Amino acid sequence: MPQTFNRAADYADAAREMADAGRPTLARLLAEEAADRTPDPNEAARILAEFPGHSLRQES
């Protein structure tokens, strides 16, 4: 069954799966998206702390 991404938790779960699969870059990007979709700033910071590193986004 395909995974849907409707909630911040969906992105955080996918980030953990990618980290476990040895794909840290994709894990960080998914974690950043999860943090963006999280209304609580403390929870967003906790999510990003779980996947350390600098932002990998290229925004214009």
PDB file of N, CA and C in Angstrom:
ATOM      1  N   MET A   1       0.841  -1.182   0.000  1.00  0.00           N
ATOM      2  CA  MET A   1       0.000   0.000   0.000  1.00  0.00           C
ATOM      3  C   MET A   1       0.880   1.238   0.000  1.00  0.00           C
ATOM      4  N   PRO A   2       0.626   2.199  -0.885  1.00  0.00           N
ATOM      5  CA  PRO A   2       1.453   3.400  -0.949  1.00  0.00           C
ATOM      6  C   PRO A   2       1.280   4.259   0.305  1.00  0.00           C
ATOM      7  N   GLN A   3       2.354   4.877   0.703  1.00  0.00           N
ATOM      8  CA  GLN A   3       2.315   5.743   1.876  1.00  0.00           C
ATOM      9  C   GLN A   3       1.764   7.098   1.480  1.00  0.00           C
ATOM     10  N   THR A   4       0.888   7.644   2.307  1.00  0.00           N
ATOM     11  CA  THR A   4       0.365   8.984   2.061  1.00  0.00           C
ATOM     12  C   THR A   4       1.048   9.966   2.992  1.00  0.00           C
ATOM     13  N   PHE A   5       1.137  11.192   2.577  1.00  0.00           N
ATOM     14  CA  PHE A   5       1.782  12.237   3.349  1.00  0.00           C
ATOM     15  C   PHE A   5       0.772  13.335   3.600  1.00  0.00           C
ATOM     16  N   ASN A   6      -0.020  13.157   4.666  1.00  0.00           N
ATOM     17  CA  ASN A   6      -1.046  14.124   5.026  1.00  0.00           C
ATOM     18  C   ASN A   6      -0.715  14.868   6.313  1.00  0.00           C
ATOM     19  N   ARG A   7       0.193  14.328   7.105  1.00  0.00           N
ATOM     20  CA  ARG A   7       0.501  14.902   8.412  1.00  0.00           C
ATOM     21  C   ARG A   7       2.006  15.019   8.594  1.00  0.00           C
ATOM     22  N   ALA A   8       2.391  15.862   9.528  1.00  0.00           N
ATOM     23  CA  ALA A   8       3.815  16.003   9.846  1.00  0.00           C
ATOM     24  C   ALA A   8       4.394  14.663  10.279  1.00  0.00           C
ATOM     25  N   ALA A   9       3.600  13.891  11.006  1.00  0.00           N
ATOM     26  CA  ALA A   9       4.068  12.587  11.480  1.00  0.00           C
ATOM     27  C   ALA A   9       4.390  11.651  10.319  1.00  0.00           C
ATOM     28  N   ASP A  10       3.665  11.777   9.209  1.00  0.00           N
ATOM     29  CA  ASP A  10       3.950  10.945   8.037  1.00  0.00           C
ATOM     30  C   ASP A  10       5.355  11.235   7.507  1.00  0.00           C
ATOM     31  N   TYR A  11       5.708  12.516   7.452  1.00  0.00           N
ATOM     32  CA  TYR A  11       7.035  12.903   6.983  1.00  0.00           C
ATOM     33  C   TYR A  11       8.114  12.469   7.969  1.00  0.00           C
ATOM     34  N   ALA A  12       7.831  12.614   9.263  1.00  0.00           N
ATOM     35  CA  ALA A  12       8.799  12.203  10.280  1.00  0.00           C
ATOM     36  C   ALA A  12       9.017  10.687  10.233  1.00  0.00           C
ATOM     37  N   ASP A  13       7.949   9.934  10.068  1.00  0.00           N
ATOM     38  CA  ASP A  13       8.086   8.474   9.960  1.00  0.00           C
ATOM     39  C   ASP A  13       8.917   8.091   8.737  1.00  0.00           C
ATOM     40  N   ALA A  14       8.645   8.752   7.614  1.00  0.00           N
ATOM     41  CA  ALA A  14       9.407   8.471   6.398  1.00  0.00           C
ATOM     42  C   ALA A  14      10.873   8.856   6.581  1.00  0.00           C
ATOM     43  N   ALA A  15      11.121   9.940   7.304  1.00  0.00           N
ATOM     44  CA  ALA A  15      12.503  10.354   7.565  1.00  0.00           C
ATOM     45  C   ALA A  15      13.236   9.277   8.369  1.00  0.00           C
ATOM     46  N   ARG A  16      12.567   8.731   9.351  1.00  0.00           N
ATOM     47  CA  ARG A  16      13.191   7.651  10.144  1.00  0.00           C
ATOM     48  C   ARG A  16      13.472   6.426   9.280  1.00  0.00           C
ATOM     49  N   GLU A  17      12.539   6.103   8.402  1.00  0.00           N
ATOM     50  CA  GLU A  17      12.749   4.962   7.498  1.00  0.00           C
ATOM     51  C   GLU A  17      13.956   5.195   6.592  1.00  0.00           C
ATOM     52  N   MET A  18      14.092   6.404   6.073  1.00  0.00           N
ATOM     53  CA  MET A  18      15.221   6.714   5.196  1.00  0.00           C
ATOM     54  C   MET A  18      16.531   6.702   5.977  1.00  0.00           C
ATOM     55  N   ALA A  19      16.519   7.174   7.208  1.00  0.00           N
ATOM     56  CA  ALA A  19      17.723   7.125   8.037  1.00  0.00           C
ATOM     57  C   ALA A  19      18.124   5.679   8.297  1.00  0.00           C
ATOM     58  N   ASP A  20      17.152   4.849   8.604  1.00  0.00           N
ATOM     59  CA  ASP A  20      17.431   3.426   8.846  1.00  0.00           C
ATOM     60  C   ASP A  20      17.951   2.734   7.589  1.00  0.00           C
ATOM     61  N   ALA A  21      17.538   3.233   6.418  1.00  0.00           N
ATOM     62  CA  ALA A  21      17.961   2.644   5.149  1.00  0.00           C
ATOM     63  C   ALA A  21      19.303   3.211   4.671  1.00  0.00           C
ATOM     64  N   GLY A  22      19.908   4.079   5.478  1.00  0.00           N
ATOM     65  CA  GLY A  22      21.207   4.633   5.097  1.00  0.00           C
ATOM     66  C   GLY A  22      21.113   5.773   4.104  1.00  0.00           C
ATOM     67  N   ARG A  23      20.015   6.503   4.111  1.00  0.00           N
ATOM     68  CA  ARG A  23      19.822   7.631   3.188  1.00  0.00           C
ATOM     69  C   ARG A  23      19.655   8.916   3.990  1.00  0.00           C
ATOM     70  N   PRO A  24      20.739   9.400   4.606  1.00  0.00           N
ATOM     71  CA  PRO A  24      20.639  10.544   5.518  1.00  0.00           C
ATOM     72  C   PRO A  24      20.202  11.850   4.854  1.00  0.00           C
ATOM     73  N   THR A  25      20.566  12.053   3.609  1.00  0.00           N
ATOM     74  CA  THR A  25      20.177  13.291   2.933  1.00  0.00           C
ATOM     75  C   THR A  25      18.667  13.341   2.757  1.00  0.00           C
ATOM     76  N   LEU A  26      18.091  12.274   2.264  1.00  0.00           N
ATOM     77  CA  LEU A  26      16.640  12.219   2.098  1.00  0.00           C
ATOM     78  C   LEU A  26      15.946  12.283   3.456  1.00  0.00           C
ATOM     79  N   ALA A  27      16.523  11.641   4.452  1.00  0.00           N
ATOM     80  CA  ALA A  27      15.961  11.691   5.804  1.00  0.00           C
ATOM     81  C   ALA A  27      15.903  13.130   6.302  1.00  0.00           C
ATOM     82  N   ARG A  28      16.974  13.884   6.101  1.00  0.00           N
ATOM     83  CA  ARG A  28      17.003  15.284   6.551  1.00  0.00           C
ATOM     84  C   ARG A  28      15.959  16.119   5.820  1.00  0.00           C
ATOM     85  N   LEU A  29      15.831  15.938   4.520  1.00  0.00           N
ATOM     86  CA  LEU A  29      14.826  16.698   3.769  1.00  0.00           C
ATOM     87  C   LEU A  29      13.413  16.390   4.249  1.00  0.00           C
ATOM     88  N   LEU A  30      13.126  15.136   4.501  1.00  0.00           N
ATOM     89  CA  LEU A  30      11.810  14.757   5.017  1.00  0.00           C
ATOM     90  C   LEU A  30      11.595  15.321   6.417  1.00  0.00           C
ATOM     91  N   ALA A  31      12.625  15.320   7.227  1.00  0.00           N
ATOM     92  CA  ALA A  31      12.518  15.885   8.574  1.00  0.00           C
ATOM     93  C   ALA A  31      12.254  17.385   8.523  1.00  0.00           C
ATOM     94  N   GLU A  32      12.892  18.078   7.586  1.00  0.00           N
ATOM     95  CA  GLU A  32      12.648  19.513   7.437  1.00  0.00           C
ATOM     96  C   GLU A  32      11.194  19.771   7.049  1.00  0.00           C
ATOM     97  N   GLU A  33      10.654  18.945   6.182  1.00  0.00           N
ATOM     98  CA  GLU A  33       9.256  19.097   5.787  1.00  0.00           C
ATOM     99  C   GLU A  33       8.341  18.804   6.976  1.00  0.00           C
ATOM    100  N   ALA A  34       8.663  17.784   7.757  1.00  0.00           N
ATOM    101  CA  ALA A  34       7.873  17.471   8.953  1.00  0.00           C
ATOM    102  C   ALA A  34       7.891  18.654   9.919  1.00  0.00           C
ATOM    103  N   ALA A  35       9.059  19.235  10.129  1.00  0.00           N
ATOM    104  CA  ALA A  35       9.182  20.375  11.037  1.00  0.00           C
ATOM    105  C   ALA A  35       8.371  21.569  10.531  1.00  0.00           C
ATOM    106  N   ASP A  36       8.396  21.798   9.231  1.00  0.00           N
ATOM    107  CA  ASP A  36       7.618  22.902   8.650  1.00  0.00           C
ATOM    108  C   ASP A  36       6.118  22.716   8.860  1.00  0.00           C
ATOM    109  N   ARG A  37       5.670  21.479   8.893  1.00  0.00           N
ATOM    110  CA  ARG A  37       4.248  21.188   9.029  1.00  0.00           C
ATOM    111  C   ARG A  37       3.809  21.030  10.489  1.00  0.00           C
ATOM    112  N   THR A  38       4.733  21.217  11.405  1.00  0.00           N
ATOM    113  CA  THR A  38       4.446  21.069  12.823  1.00  0.00           C
ATOM    114  C   THR A  38       4.181  22.449  13.429  1.00  0.00           C
ATOM    115  N   PRO A  39       2.989  22.669  13.989  1.00  0.00           N
ATOM    116  CA  PRO A  39       2.684  23.997  14.527  1.00  0.00           C
ATOM    117  C   PRO A  39       3.445  24.344  15.810  1.00  0.00           C
ATOM    118  N   ASP A  40       3.859  23.360  16.575  1.00  0.00           N
ATOM    119  CA  ASP A  40       4.568  23.600  17.834  1.00  0.00           C
ATOM    120  C   ASP A  40       6.058  23.757  17.561  1.00  0.00           C
ATOM    121  N   PRO A  41       6.620  24.942  17.825  1.00  0.00           N
ATOM    122  CA  PRO A  41       8.045  25.159  17.534  1.00  0.00           C
ATOM    123  C   PRO A  41       8.975  24.231  18.315  1.00  0.00           C
ATOM    124  N   ASN A  42       8.589  23.850  19.517  1.00  0.00           N
ATOM    125  CA  ASN A  42       9.433  22.929  20.294  1.00  0.00           C
ATOM    126  C   ASN A  42       9.460  21.548  19.660  1.00  0.00           C
ATOM    127  N   GLU A  43       8.325  21.097  19.177  1.00  0.00           N
ATOM    128  CA  GLU A  43       8.260  19.793  18.505  1.00  0.00           C
ATOM    129  C   GLU A  43       9.034  19.834  17.186  1.00  0.00           C
ATOM    130  N   ALA A  44       8.912  20.941  16.457  1.00  0.00           N
ATOM    131  CA  ALA A  44       9.656  21.092  15.202  1.00  0.00           C
ATOM    132  C   ALA A  44      11.158  21.022  15.463  1.00  0.00           C
ATOM    133  N   ALA A  45      11.606  21.683  16.531  1.00  0.00           N
ATOM    134  CA  ALA A  45      13.031  21.652  16.876  1.00  0.00           C
ATOM    135  C   ALA A  45      13.465  20.237  17.260  1.00  0.00           C
ATOM    136  N   ARG A  46      12.602  19.497  17.965  1.00  0.00           N
ATOM    137  CA  ARG A  46      12.920  18.125  18.351  1.00  0.00           C
ATOM    138  C   ARG A  46      13.075  17.237  17.123  1.00  0.00           C
ATOM    139  N   ILE A  47      12.188  17.429  16.145  1.00  0.00           N
ATOM    140  CA  ILE A  47      12.262  16.643  14.908  1.00  0.00           C
ATOM    141  C   ILE A  47      13.589  16.912  14.200  1.00  0.00           C
ATOM    142  N   LEU A  48      13.951  18.176  14.062  1.00  0.00           N
ATOM    143  CA  LEU A  48      15.198  18.515  13.370  1.00  0.00           C
ATOM    144  C   LEU A  48      16.418  18.020  14.139  1.00  0.00           C
ATOM    145  N   ALA A  49      16.340  18.032  15.460  1.00  0.00           N
ATOM    146  CA  ALA A  49      17.470  17.549  16.269  1.00  0.00           C
ATOM    147  C   ALA A  49      17.689  16.053  16.086  1.00  0.00           C
ATOM    148  N   GLU A  50      16.634  15.345  15.754  1.00  0.00           N
ATOM    149  CA  GLU A  50      16.752  13.899  15.523  1.00  0.00           C
ATOM    150  C   GLU A  50      17.543  13.602  14.242  1.00  0.00           C
ATOM    151  N   PHE A  51      17.572  14.584  13.330  1.00  0.00           N
ATOM    152  CA  PHE A  51      18.266  14.442  12.051  1.00  0.00           C
ATOM    153  C   PHE A  51      19.206  15.634  11.892  1.00  0.00           C
ATOM    154  N   PRO A  52      20.351  15.619  12.571  1.00  0.00           N
ATOM    155  CA  PRO A  52      21.232  16.788  12.587  1.00  0.00           C
ATOM    156  C   PRO A  52      21.803  17.116  11.210  1.00  0.00           C
ATOM    157  N   GLY A  53      22.175  18.347  11.080  1.00  0.00           N
ATOM    158  CA  GLY A  53      22.803  18.818   9.848  1.00  0.00           C
ATOM    159  C   GLY A  53      22.223  20.151   9.435  1.00  0.00           C
ATOM    160  N   HIS A  54      22.800  20.704   8.414  1.00  0.00           N
ATOM    161  CA  HIS A  54      22.325  21.985   7.877  1.00  0.00           C
ATOM    162  C   HIS A  54      21.190  21.718   6.905  1.00  0.00           C
ATOM    163  N   SER A  55      20.428  22.763   6.673  1.00  0.00           N
ATOM    164  CA  SER A  55      19.341  22.649   5.699  1.00  0.00           C
ATOM    165  C   SER A  55      19.918  22.294   4.338  1.00  0.00           C
ATOM    166  N   LEU A  56      19.254  21.402   3.669  1.00  0.00           N
ATOM    167  CA  LEU A  56      19.700  20.954   2.349  1.00  0.00           C
ATOM    168  C   LEU A  56      18.821  21.509   1.234  1.00  0.00           C
ATOM    169  N   ARG A  57      17.872  22.334   1.585  1.00  0.00           N
ATOM    170  CA  ARG A  57      16.942  22.880   0.601  1.00  0.00           C
ATOM    171  C   ARG A  57      17.616  23.950  -0.240  1.00  0.00           C
ATOM    172  N   GLN A  58      17.188  24.011  -1.461  1.00  0.00           N
ATOM    173  CA  GLN A  58      17.643  25.054  -2.365  1.00  0.00           C
ATOM    174  C   GLN A  58      16.436  25.873  -2.753  1.00  0.00           C
ATOM    175  N   GLU A  59      16.228  26.947  -2.025  1.00  0.00           N
ATOM    176  CA  GLU A  59      15.069  27.790  -2.276  1.00  0.00           C
ATOM    177  C   GLU A  59      15.529  29.075  -2.943  1.00  0.00           C
ATOM    178  N   SER A  60      14.678  29.575  -3.806  1.00  0.00           N
ATOM    179  CA  SER A  60      15.034  30.828  -4.493  1.00  0.00           C
ATOM    180  C   SER A  60      14.402  32.016  -3.839  1.00  0.00           C
TER     181      SER A  60
END
